[in-house]
Amino acid sequence: MNKKKDPNIAPGMDDQEELNASATDKEVADGEYTSVTTLSYDEVDPS
């Protein structure tokens, strides 16, 4: 039985601050980073 779980964040973690932090040079050298792309939908009211 393999259930797919949604990603989650550890309790107490400031998600905006932590998720927007850049990887250190050591993390990049060790391959311990994730590339993040932000998609923003800006809807303009046609009226």
N, C-alpha and C. Protein backbone atom coordinates (compact mmCIF):
# COMPACT_ATOMS: atom_id res chain seq x y z
N MET A 1 0.85 -1.18 0.00
CA MET A 1 0.00 0.00 0.00
C MET A 1 0.89 1.24 0.00
N ASN A 2 0.91 1.98 -1.09
CA ASN A 2 1.77 3.15 -1.24
C ASN A 2 0.89 4.37 -1.44
N LYS A 3 0.75 5.17 -0.40
CA LYS A 3 -0.07 6.38 -0.49
C LYS A 3 0.82 7.58 -0.79
N LYS A 4 0.37 8.42 -1.69
CA LYS A 4 1.10 9.63 -2.02
C LYS A 4 0.78 10.68 -0.95
N LYS A 5 1.81 11.27 -0.37
CA LYS A 5 1.62 12.29 0.65
C LYS A 5 1.96 13.66 0.07
N ASP A 6 1.19 14.67 0.49
CA ASP A 6 1.48 16.03 0.08
C ASP A 6 2.73 16.52 0.80
N PRO A 7 3.55 17.35 0.16
CA PRO A 7 4.72 17.90 0.83
C PRO A 7 4.27 18.75 2.02
N ASN A 8 5.09 18.76 3.05
CA ASN A 8 4.77 19.59 4.20
C ASN A 8 6.02 20.21 4.77
N ILE A 9 5.84 21.13 5.68
CA ILE A 9 6.93 21.88 6.29
C ILE A 9 6.92 21.59 7.77
N ALA A 10 8.10 21.46 8.35
CA ALA A 10 8.20 21.17 9.78
C ALA A 10 7.53 22.27 10.60
N PRO A 11 6.86 21.88 11.70
CA PRO A 11 6.21 22.89 12.55
C PRO A 11 7.23 23.89 13.07
N GLY A 12 6.83 25.14 13.13
CA GLY A 12 7.71 26.18 13.64
C GLY A 12 8.61 26.80 12.59
N MET A 13 8.59 26.29 11.41
CA MET A 13 9.43 26.83 10.34
C MET A 13 8.72 28.02 9.70
N ASP A 14 9.44 29.14 9.55
CA ASP A 14 8.88 30.31 8.86
C ASP A 14 9.02 30.04 7.36
N ASP A 15 7.94 29.54 6.78
CA ASP A 15 8.02 29.05 5.40
C ASP A 15 8.47 30.10 4.40
N GLN A 16 7.99 31.31 4.49
CA GLN A 16 8.38 32.32 3.51
C GLN A 16 9.87 32.65 3.62
N GLU A 17 10.34 32.84 4.83
CA GLU A 17 11.76 33.17 5.03
C GLU A 17 12.66 32.00 4.64
N GLU A 18 12.32 30.81 5.09
CA GLU A 18 13.14 29.63 4.81
C GLU A 18 13.11 29.23 3.34
N LEU A 19 11.95 29.26 2.74
CA LEU A 19 11.84 28.82 1.35
C LEU A 19 12.43 29.82 0.37
N ASN A 20 12.51 31.09 0.75
CA ASN A 20 13.08 32.11 -0.13
C ASN A 20 14.58 32.32 0.09
N ALA A 21 15.16 31.60 1.04
CA ALA A 21 16.59 31.74 1.33
C ALA A 21 17.41 31.11 0.20
N SER A 22 18.49 31.76 -0.16
CA SER A 22 19.38 31.21 -1.19
C SER A 22 20.29 30.14 -0.59
N ALA A 23 20.69 29.21 -1.41
CA ALA A 23 21.61 28.17 -0.97
C ALA A 23 23.00 28.76 -0.76
N THR A 24 23.71 28.23 0.22
CA THR A 24 25.09 28.68 0.46
C THR A 24 25.99 28.07 -0.60
N ASP A 25 27.21 28.60 -0.71
CA ASP A 25 28.18 28.04 -1.67
C ASP A 25 28.47 26.57 -1.36
N LYS A 26 28.55 26.22 -0.08
CA LYS A 26 28.80 24.84 0.31
C LYS A 26 27.64 23.94 -0.09
N GLU A 27 26.41 24.40 0.11
CA GLU A 27 25.25 23.61 -0.28
C GLU A 27 25.22 23.37 -1.79
N VAL A 28 25.56 24.40 -2.55
CA VAL A 28 25.60 24.26 -4.01
C VAL A 28 26.70 23.27 -4.41
N ALA A 29 27.87 23.40 -3.79
CA ALA A 29 28.98 22.50 -4.10
C ALA A 29 28.64 21.06 -3.77
N ASP A 30 27.87 20.85 -2.68
CA ASP A 30 27.49 19.50 -2.27
C ASP A 30 26.24 19.00 -2.98
N GLY A 31 25.62 19.84 -3.81
CA GLY A 31 24.39 19.45 -4.51
C GLY A 31 23.17 19.44 -3.61
N GLU A 32 23.26 20.14 -2.49
CA GLU A 32 22.17 20.17 -1.50
C GLU A 32 21.31 21.42 -1.69
N TYR A 33 20.69 21.54 -2.84
CA TYR A 33 19.82 22.68 -3.10
C TYR A 33 18.74 22.27 -4.08
N THR A 34 17.71 23.06 -4.16
CA THR A 34 16.61 22.80 -5.08
C THR A 34 16.34 24.06 -5.88
N SER A 35 16.25 23.93 -7.17
CA SER A 35 15.91 25.05 -8.03
C SER A 35 14.42 25.36 -7.86
N VAL A 36 14.10 26.63 -7.67
CA VAL A 36 12.71 27.02 -7.43
C VAL A 36 12.29 28.04 -8.48
N THR A 37 11.13 27.82 -9.06
CA THR A 37 10.54 28.76 -10.01
C THR A 37 9.22 29.25 -9.43
N THR A 38 9.02 30.57 -9.40
CA THR A 38 7.79 31.15 -8.87
C THR A 38 6.93 31.62 -10.02
N LEU A 39 5.70 31.17 -10.02
CA LEU A 39 4.74 31.57 -11.04
C LEU A 39 3.72 32.49 -10.39
N SER A 40 3.56 33.67 -10.96
CA SER A 40 2.61 34.64 -10.41
C SER A 40 1.60 35.02 -11.50
N TYR A 41 0.34 34.86 -11.19
CA TYR A 41 -0.72 35.19 -12.13
C TYR A 41 -1.28 36.55 -11.75
N ASP A 42 -1.09 37.53 -12.61
CA ASP A 42 -1.54 38.88 -12.35
C ASP A 42 -2.75 39.16 -13.23
N GLU A 43 -3.93 39.07 -12.64
CA GLU A 43 -5.16 39.27 -13.39
C GLU A 43 -5.56 40.76 -13.35
N VAL A 44 -5.81 41.32 -14.51
CA VAL A 44 -6.20 42.72 -14.59
C VAL A 44 -7.71 42.78 -14.85
N ASP A 45 -8.40 43.57 -14.07
CA ASP A 45 -9.85 43.73 -14.23
C ASP A 45 -10.13 44.44 -15.56
N PRO A 46 -10.88 43.82 -16.48
CA PRO A 46 -11.10 44.40 -17.79
C PRO A 46 -12.01 45.63 -17.81
N SER A 47 -12.62 46.00 -16.68
CA SER A 47 -13.55 47.13 -16.69
C SER A 47 -12.87 48.46 -16.69
